[in-house]
Structures are given as C-alpha cells and as structure tokens.
Amino acid sequence: MDVTHLPQFRPYSFLHVSIDTYSGFLWATPHRGEATPKVIHHLLACFAVMGRPSQIKTDNAPAYCSTALSIFCAQWDVCLKHGIPYNSTGQAIVERANCRLKTLLDKQLKQGELHL
C-alpha cells in the first residue's frame, strides 16, 4: 500500500494504491490528502472490492504508523507490517504499480480519453 501524487487531478491529487501481491489486482482511490483518515477510507473501499486481507505492508509514512491505523487494523483483524526505513526496495511491487498507473493515466489524459 502506498500513496502516489498526481498534480493534474487537483484537488484529488493523492492517489492511494493497494495491490494484491498474489493476484496482481490493483485498487486505487483518489483523495484530497494522505492523512490517516484518508488511508482508512481507502482501505474500507479496498476491503469492499478485494475482501479483507490477512496483512497489509506499508512504508513508514506518518499516516501508516499512526495509532488510529493500528487500531483500525486490529479491529479488522489485519496484520499491519512496515518496511525497513529508508529502503524503497521493500515496497518495490507497489512502487512499480504506481509507475505503471501514472503512465497509463498520463496516456489517457494526452489522448483525451480521460476527462477531469
């Protein structure tokens, strides 16, 4: 799970991204920020579409290390794991998905297939 930034989608320029590492299924939701309440809102939508996961792996961003997110995950019986600080390779799968997603959205914007 990660957040990527798409300034061209203002005011919803924060794209929260989750990927199921088993199936490769990607779920992204646009938000106005990247704080914990936005993360929880994304996770609720994600759970509705993908089902409740047994664990979630994130980086060490403040929204992911918050007490509120820990409580939310405990309530949903989801193990919350954090990557090694300052080591982006631990998040390689979602970082690559972010890159692919940005490329596809940019192509659609340039071809006029996506309207903001």
N, C-alpha and C. Protein backbone atom coordinates (compact mmCIF):
# COMPACT_ATOMS: atom_id res chain seq x y z
N MET A 1 0.84 -1.16 0.00
CA MET A 1 0.00 0.00 0.00
C MET A 1 0.89 1.23 0.00
N ASP A 2 0.48 2.24 -0.78
CA ASP A 2 1.28 3.44 -0.91
C ASP A 2 0.41 4.58 -1.43
N VAL A 3 0.95 5.78 -1.43
CA VAL A 3 0.29 6.96 -2.00
C VAL A 3 1.18 7.51 -3.09
N THR A 4 0.59 7.82 -4.23
CA THR A 4 1.32 8.47 -5.30
C THR A 4 0.63 9.80 -5.59
N HIS A 5 1.39 10.74 -6.11
CA HIS A 5 0.87 12.09 -6.31
C HIS A 5 0.65 12.36 -7.80
N LEU A 6 -0.53 12.86 -8.12
CA LEU A 6 -0.88 13.23 -9.49
C LEU A 6 -1.41 14.66 -9.49
N PRO A 7 -0.53 15.66 -9.62
CA PRO A 7 -0.96 17.06 -9.54
C PRO A 7 -2.06 17.43 -10.53
N GLN A 8 -2.10 16.78 -11.68
CA GLN A 8 -3.11 17.11 -12.69
C GLN A 8 -4.53 16.74 -12.26
N PHE A 9 -4.70 15.99 -11.20
CA PHE A 9 -6.02 15.60 -10.71
C PHE A 9 -6.50 16.48 -9.56
N ARG A 10 -5.86 17.63 -9.36
CA ARG A 10 -6.25 18.52 -8.27
C ARG A 10 -7.74 18.76 -8.26
N PRO A 11 -8.41 18.78 -7.15
CA PRO A 11 -7.92 18.72 -5.77
C PRO A 11 -7.70 17.29 -5.26
N TYR A 12 -8.04 16.30 -6.06
CA TYR A 12 -7.87 14.90 -5.65
C TYR A 12 -6.55 14.37 -6.19
N SER A 13 -5.46 14.97 -5.77
CA SER A 13 -4.15 14.65 -6.35
C SER A 13 -3.38 13.58 -5.60
N PHE A 14 -3.96 13.04 -4.54
CA PHE A 14 -3.32 11.96 -3.80
C PHE A 14 -4.02 10.65 -4.15
N LEU A 15 -3.32 9.78 -4.83
CA LEU A 15 -3.89 8.51 -5.26
C LEU A 15 -3.38 7.40 -4.34
N HIS A 16 -4.27 6.88 -3.51
CA HIS A 16 -3.91 5.79 -2.59
C HIS A 16 -4.01 4.49 -3.39
N VAL A 17 -2.95 3.69 -3.32
CA VAL A 17 -2.84 2.49 -4.16
C VAL A 17 -2.59 1.26 -3.30
N SER A 18 -3.36 0.22 -3.56
CA SER A 18 -3.14 -1.08 -2.92
C SER A 18 -3.05 -2.13 -4.02
N ILE A 19 -2.20 -3.10 -3.80
CA ILE A 19 -2.06 -4.19 -4.78
C ILE A 19 -2.03 -5.52 -4.04
N ASP A 20 -2.80 -6.45 -4.56
CA ASP A 20 -2.80 -7.81 -4.02
C ASP A 20 -1.59 -8.52 -4.64
N THR A 21 -0.62 -8.87 -3.81
CA THR A 21 0.61 -9.45 -4.34
C THR A 21 0.39 -10.87 -4.91
N TYR A 22 -0.68 -11.51 -4.53
CA TYR A 22 -0.96 -12.85 -5.06
C TYR A 22 -1.54 -12.78 -6.47
N SER A 23 -2.57 -11.97 -6.65
CA SER A 23 -3.25 -11.91 -7.95
C SER A 23 -2.76 -10.78 -8.84
N GLY A 24 -2.13 -9.76 -8.24
CA GLY A 24 -1.71 -8.60 -9.01
C GLY A 24 -2.82 -7.56 -9.16
N PHE A 25 -3.97 -7.80 -8.54
CA PHE A 25 -5.10 -6.87 -8.63
C PHE A 25 -4.74 -5.55 -7.97
N LEU A 26 -4.97 -4.46 -8.68
CA LEU A 26 -4.63 -3.13 -8.18
C LEU A 26 -5.89 -2.34 -7.91
N TRP A 27 -5.93 -1.66 -6.77
CA TRP A 27 -7.06 -0.81 -6.43
C TRP A 27 -6.51 0.55 -6.03
N ALA A 28 -7.03 1.60 -6.65
CA ALA A 28 -6.57 2.96 -6.35
C ALA A 28 -7.78 3.86 -6.15
N THR A 29 -7.67 4.76 -5.17
CA THR A 29 -8.74 5.72 -4.91
C THR A 29 -8.13 7.11 -4.77
N PRO A 30 -8.75 8.11 -5.41
CA PRO A 30 -8.24 9.49 -5.29
C PRO A 30 -8.75 10.16 -4.02
N HIS A 31 -7.88 10.94 -3.40
CA HIS A 31 -8.23 11.65 -2.17
C HIS A 31 -7.61 13.03 -2.18
N ARG A 32 -8.07 13.87 -1.25
CA ARG A 32 -7.54 15.24 -1.13
C ARG A 32 -6.31 15.30 -0.23
N GLY A 33 -5.92 14.20 0.37
CA GLY A 33 -4.77 14.20 1.26
C GLY A 33 -4.27 12.80 1.50
N GLU A 34 -3.24 12.71 2.34
CA GLU A 34 -2.68 11.39 2.63
C GLU A 34 -2.65 11.09 4.12
N ALA A 35 -3.46 11.79 4.89
CA ALA A 35 -3.53 11.58 6.34
C ALA A 35 -4.26 10.27 6.65
N THR A 36 -4.17 9.86 7.90
CA THR A 36 -4.74 8.58 8.34
C THR A 36 -6.22 8.41 7.99
N PRO A 37 -7.09 9.42 8.19
CA PRO A 37 -8.50 9.21 7.82
C PRO A 37 -8.67 8.88 6.33
N LYS A 38 -7.84 9.45 5.48
CA LYS A 38 -7.91 9.14 4.04
C LYS A 38 -7.45 7.71 3.78
N VAL A 39 -6.42 7.28 4.50
CA VAL A 39 -5.93 5.90 4.37
C VAL A 39 -7.02 4.92 4.78
N ILE A 40 -7.68 5.20 5.88
CA ILE A 40 -8.76 4.32 6.36
C ILE A 40 -9.91 4.29 5.36
N HIS A 41 -10.27 5.44 4.81
CA HIS A 41 -11.33 5.50 3.79
C HIS A 41 -10.93 4.64 2.59
N HIS A 42 -9.68 4.73 2.15
CA HIS A 42 -9.20 3.91 1.03
C HIS A 42 -9.29 2.42 1.39
N LEU A 43 -8.86 2.08 2.59
CA LEU A 43 -8.89 0.66 2.99
C LEU A 43 -10.30 0.11 3.03
N LEU A 44 -11.26 0.89 3.51
CA LEU A 44 -12.65 0.42 3.54
C LEU A 44 -13.16 0.13 2.12
N ALA A 45 -12.84 1.02 1.19
CA ALA A 45 -13.23 0.79 -0.21
C ALA A 45 -12.50 -0.43 -0.77
N CYS A 46 -11.25 -0.55 -0.42
CA CYS A 46 -10.44 -1.68 -0.88
C CYS A 46 -10.99 -3.01 -0.34
N PHE A 47 -11.34 -3.04 0.94
CA PHE A 47 -11.90 -4.25 1.54
C PHE A 47 -13.21 -4.63 0.86
N ALA A 48 -14.02 -3.64 0.50
CA ALA A 48 -15.30 -3.90 -0.15
C ALA A 48 -15.11 -4.56 -1.51
N VAL A 49 -14.06 -4.18 -2.20
CA VAL A 49 -13.82 -4.71 -3.55
C VAL A 49 -12.98 -5.99 -3.52
N MET A 50 -11.91 -5.97 -2.74
CA MET A 50 -10.93 -7.07 -2.76
C MET A 50 -11.11 -8.07 -1.62
N GLY A 51 -11.90 -7.71 -0.63
CA GLY A 51 -12.02 -8.55 0.56
C GLY A 51 -11.02 -8.14 1.62
N ARG A 52 -11.21 -8.62 2.82
CA ARG A 52 -10.31 -8.28 3.92
C ARG A 52 -9.03 -9.09 3.80
N PRO A 53 -7.88 -8.42 3.78
CA PRO A 53 -6.61 -9.15 3.68
C PRO A 53 -6.17 -9.67 5.04
N SER A 54 -5.26 -10.61 5.05
CA SER A 54 -4.72 -11.06 6.33
C SER A 54 -3.62 -10.12 6.81
N GLN A 55 -2.93 -9.47 5.87
CA GLN A 55 -1.92 -8.49 6.26
C GLN A 55 -1.78 -7.41 5.21
N ILE A 56 -1.28 -6.26 5.66
CA ILE A 56 -1.02 -5.12 4.80
C ILE A 56 0.41 -4.68 5.06
N LYS A 57 1.16 -4.46 3.99
CA LYS A 57 2.53 -3.97 4.12
C LYS A 57 2.59 -2.56 3.59
N THR A 58 3.18 -1.66 4.38
CA THR A 58 3.30 -0.26 4.01
C THR A 58 4.72 0.22 4.27
N ASP A 59 4.97 1.47 3.86
CA ASP A 59 6.23 2.09 4.24
C ASP A 59 6.04 2.73 5.62
N ASN A 60 6.95 3.57 6.01
CA ASN A 60 6.90 4.16 7.36
C ASN A 60 6.39 5.59 7.37
N ALA A 61 5.52 5.92 6.43
CA ALA A 61 4.94 7.26 6.39
C ALA A 61 4.11 7.47 7.67
N PRO A 62 4.01 8.73 8.12
CA PRO A 62 3.28 9.00 9.37
C PRO A 62 1.85 8.46 9.40
N ALA A 63 1.14 8.53 8.29
CA ALA A 63 -0.24 8.04 8.26
C ALA A 63 -0.31 6.53 8.49
N TYR A 64 0.72 5.81 8.06
CA TYR A 64 0.73 4.35 8.21
C TYR A 64 1.24 3.90 9.57
N CYS A 65 1.94 4.77 10.27
CA CYS A 65 2.48 4.43 11.59
C CYS A 65 1.61 4.96 12.73
N SER A 66 0.47 5.52 12.39
CA SER A 66 -0.38 6.15 13.39
C SER A 66 -1.10 5.12 14.27
N THR A 67 -1.45 5.56 15.45
CA THR A 67 -2.22 4.74 16.39
C THR A 67 -3.60 4.43 15.82
N ALA A 68 -4.20 5.42 15.16
CA ALA A 68 -5.55 5.23 14.60
C ALA A 68 -5.56 4.11 13.56
N LEU A 69 -4.53 4.03 12.72
CA LEU A 69 -4.48 2.96 11.72
C LEU A 69 -4.23 1.62 12.39
N SER A 70 -3.39 1.60 13.40
CA SER A 70 -3.14 0.35 14.15
C SER A 70 -4.43 -0.17 14.77
N ILE A 71 -5.21 0.72 15.36
CA ILE A 71 -6.48 0.33 15.97
C ILE A 71 -7.44 -0.18 14.90
N PHE A 72 -7.52 0.53 13.77
CA PHE A 72 -8.39 0.11 12.67
C PHE A 72 -8.02 -1.30 12.20
N CYS A 73 -6.73 -1.54 12.00
CA CYS A 73 -6.29 -2.87 11.54
C CYS A 73 -6.58 -3.95 12.58
N ALA A 74 -6.41 -3.63 13.85
CA ALA A 74 -6.71 -4.59 14.91
C ALA A 74 -8.20 -4.93 14.92
N GLN A 75 -9.05 -3.92 14.72
CA GLN A 75 -10.49 -4.15 14.69
C GLN A 75 -10.88 -5.05 13.52
N TRP A 76 -10.18 -4.94 12.42
CA TRP A 76 -10.47 -5.76 11.24
C TRP A 76 -9.64 -7.04 11.20
N ASP A 77 -8.86 -7.29 12.24
CA ASP A 77 -8.00 -8.48 12.32
C ASP A 77 -7.06 -8.57 11.12
N VAL A 78 -6.40 -7.45 10.84
CA VAL A 78 -5.44 -7.36 9.75
C VAL A 78 -4.08 -7.04 10.36
N CYS A 79 -3.07 -7.82 10.01
CA CYS A 79 -1.72 -7.59 10.50
C CYS A 79 -1.10 -6.45 9.68
N LEU A 80 -0.66 -5.40 10.35
CA LEU A 80 -0.06 -4.25 9.70
C LEU A 80 1.45 -4.34 9.81
N LYS A 81 2.12 -4.47 8.66
CA LYS A 81 3.58 -4.57 8.64
C LYS A 81 4.17 -3.35 7.96
N HIS A 82 5.32 -2.92 8.47
CA HIS A 82 6.02 -1.77 7.90
C HIS A 82 7.35 -2.23 7.31
N GLY A 83 7.75 -1.59 6.23
CA GLY A 83 9.02 -1.91 5.61
C GLY A 83 10.19 -1.36 6.40
N ILE A 84 11.37 -1.70 5.97
CA ILE A 84 12.59 -1.20 6.59
C ILE A 84 12.71 0.29 6.27
N PRO A 85 12.93 1.13 7.27
CA PRO A 85 13.05 2.57 7.00
C PRO A 85 14.15 2.89 5.98
N TYR A 86 13.87 3.83 5.10
CA TYR A 86 14.79 4.32 4.06
C TYR A 86 15.21 3.23 3.08
N ASN A 87 14.38 2.20 2.92
CA ASN A 87 14.69 1.13 1.98
C ASN A 87 13.48 0.95 1.06
N SER A 88 13.53 1.59 -0.10
CA SER A 88 12.38 1.55 -1.00
C SER A 88 12.20 0.21 -1.69
N THR A 89 13.20 -0.66 -1.67
CA THR A 89 13.05 -1.96 -2.33
C THR A 89 12.03 -2.84 -1.63
N GLY A 90 11.75 -2.59 -0.36
CA GLY A 90 10.73 -3.35 0.36
C GLY A 90 9.34 -3.08 -0.17
N GLN A 91 9.17 -1.97 -0.84
CA GLN A 91 7.89 -1.58 -1.40
C GLN A 91 7.93 -1.65 -2.93
N ALA A 92 8.82 -2.45 -3.47
CA ALA A 92 9.06 -2.48 -4.92
C ALA A 92 7.81 -2.81 -5.73
N ILE A 93 6.98 -3.71 -5.26
CA ILE A 93 5.79 -4.12 -6.01
C ILE A 93 4.83 -2.95 -6.17
N VAL A 94 4.52 -2.27 -5.08
CA VAL A 94 3.58 -1.15 -5.17
C VAL A 94 4.22 0.06 -5.85
N GLU A 95 5.51 0.26 -5.70
CA GLU A 95 6.18 1.37 -6.38
C GLU A 95 6.14 1.17 -7.90
N ARG A 96 6.35 -0.06 -8.34
CA ARG A 96 6.26 -0.37 -9.78
C ARG A 96 4.82 -0.19 -10.27
N ALA A 97 3.86 -0.59 -9.45
CA ALA A 97 2.45 -0.41 -9.82
C ALA A 97 2.12 1.07 -9.93
N ASN A 98 2.66 1.89 -9.02
CA ASN A 98 2.46 3.35 -9.10
C ASN A 98 2.97 3.89 -10.43
N CYS A 99 4.14 3.44 -10.82
CA CYS A 99 4.75 3.89 -12.08
C CYS A 99 3.87 3.51 -13.27
N ARG A 100 3.41 2.27 -13.32
CA ARG A 100 2.54 1.81 -14.41
C ARG A 100 1.23 2.60 -14.43
N LEU A 101 0.66 2.81 -13.26
CA LEU A 101 -0.61 3.53 -13.16
C LEU A 101 -0.46 4.97 -13.66
N LYS A 102 0.61 5.65 -13.24
CA LYS A 102 0.85 7.02 -13.69
C LYS A 102 1.03 7.08 -15.21
N THR A 103 1.76 6.12 -15.76
CA THR A 103 1.98 6.08 -17.21
C THR A 103 0.66 5.92 -17.95
N LEU A 104 -0.17 5.00 -17.50
CA LEU A 104 -1.47 4.77 -18.15
C LEU A 104 -2.39 5.99 -18.04
N LEU A 105 -2.44 6.61 -16.88
CA LEU A 105 -3.29 7.78 -16.70
C LEU A 105 -2.79 8.96 -17.55
N ASP A 106 -1.48 9.13 -17.64
CA ASP A 106 -0.92 10.19 -18.48
C ASP A 106 -1.27 9.97 -19.95
N LYS A 107 -1.19 8.72 -20.41
CA LYS A 107 -1.54 8.40 -21.80
C LYS A 107 -3.00 8.74 -22.08
N GLN A 108 -3.87 8.36 -21.15
CA GLN A 108 -5.30 8.63 -21.34
C GLN A 108 -5.59 10.13 -21.34
N LEU A 109 -4.90 10.87 -20.48
CA LEU A 109 -5.09 12.33 -20.46
C LEU A 109 -4.66 12.95 -21.78
N LYS A 110 -3.52 12.52 -22.30
CA LYS A 110 -2.98 13.06 -23.55
C LYS A 110 -3.85 12.70 -24.75
N GLN A 111 -4.46 11.53 -24.72
CA GLN A 111 -5.32 11.10 -25.84
C GLN A 111 -6.74 11.60 -25.69
N GLY A 112 -7.04 12.27 -24.60
CA GLY A 112 -8.37 12.82 -24.40
C GLY A 112 -9.40 11.81 -23.96
N GLU A 113 -8.97 10.62 -23.54
CA GLU A 113 -9.90 9.58 -23.11
C GLU A 113 -10.33 9.76 -21.65
N LEU A 114 -9.57 10.54 -20.91
CA LEU A 114 -9.86 10.75 -19.51
C LEU A 114 -10.14 12.22 -19.31
N HIS A 115 -11.30 12.53 -18.78
CA HIS A 115 -11.70 13.92 -18.59
C HIS A 115 -11.74 14.24 -17.11
N LEU A 116 -11.11 15.35 -16.75
CA LEU A 116 -11.09 15.78 -15.35
C LEU A 116 -12.17 16.78 -15.08
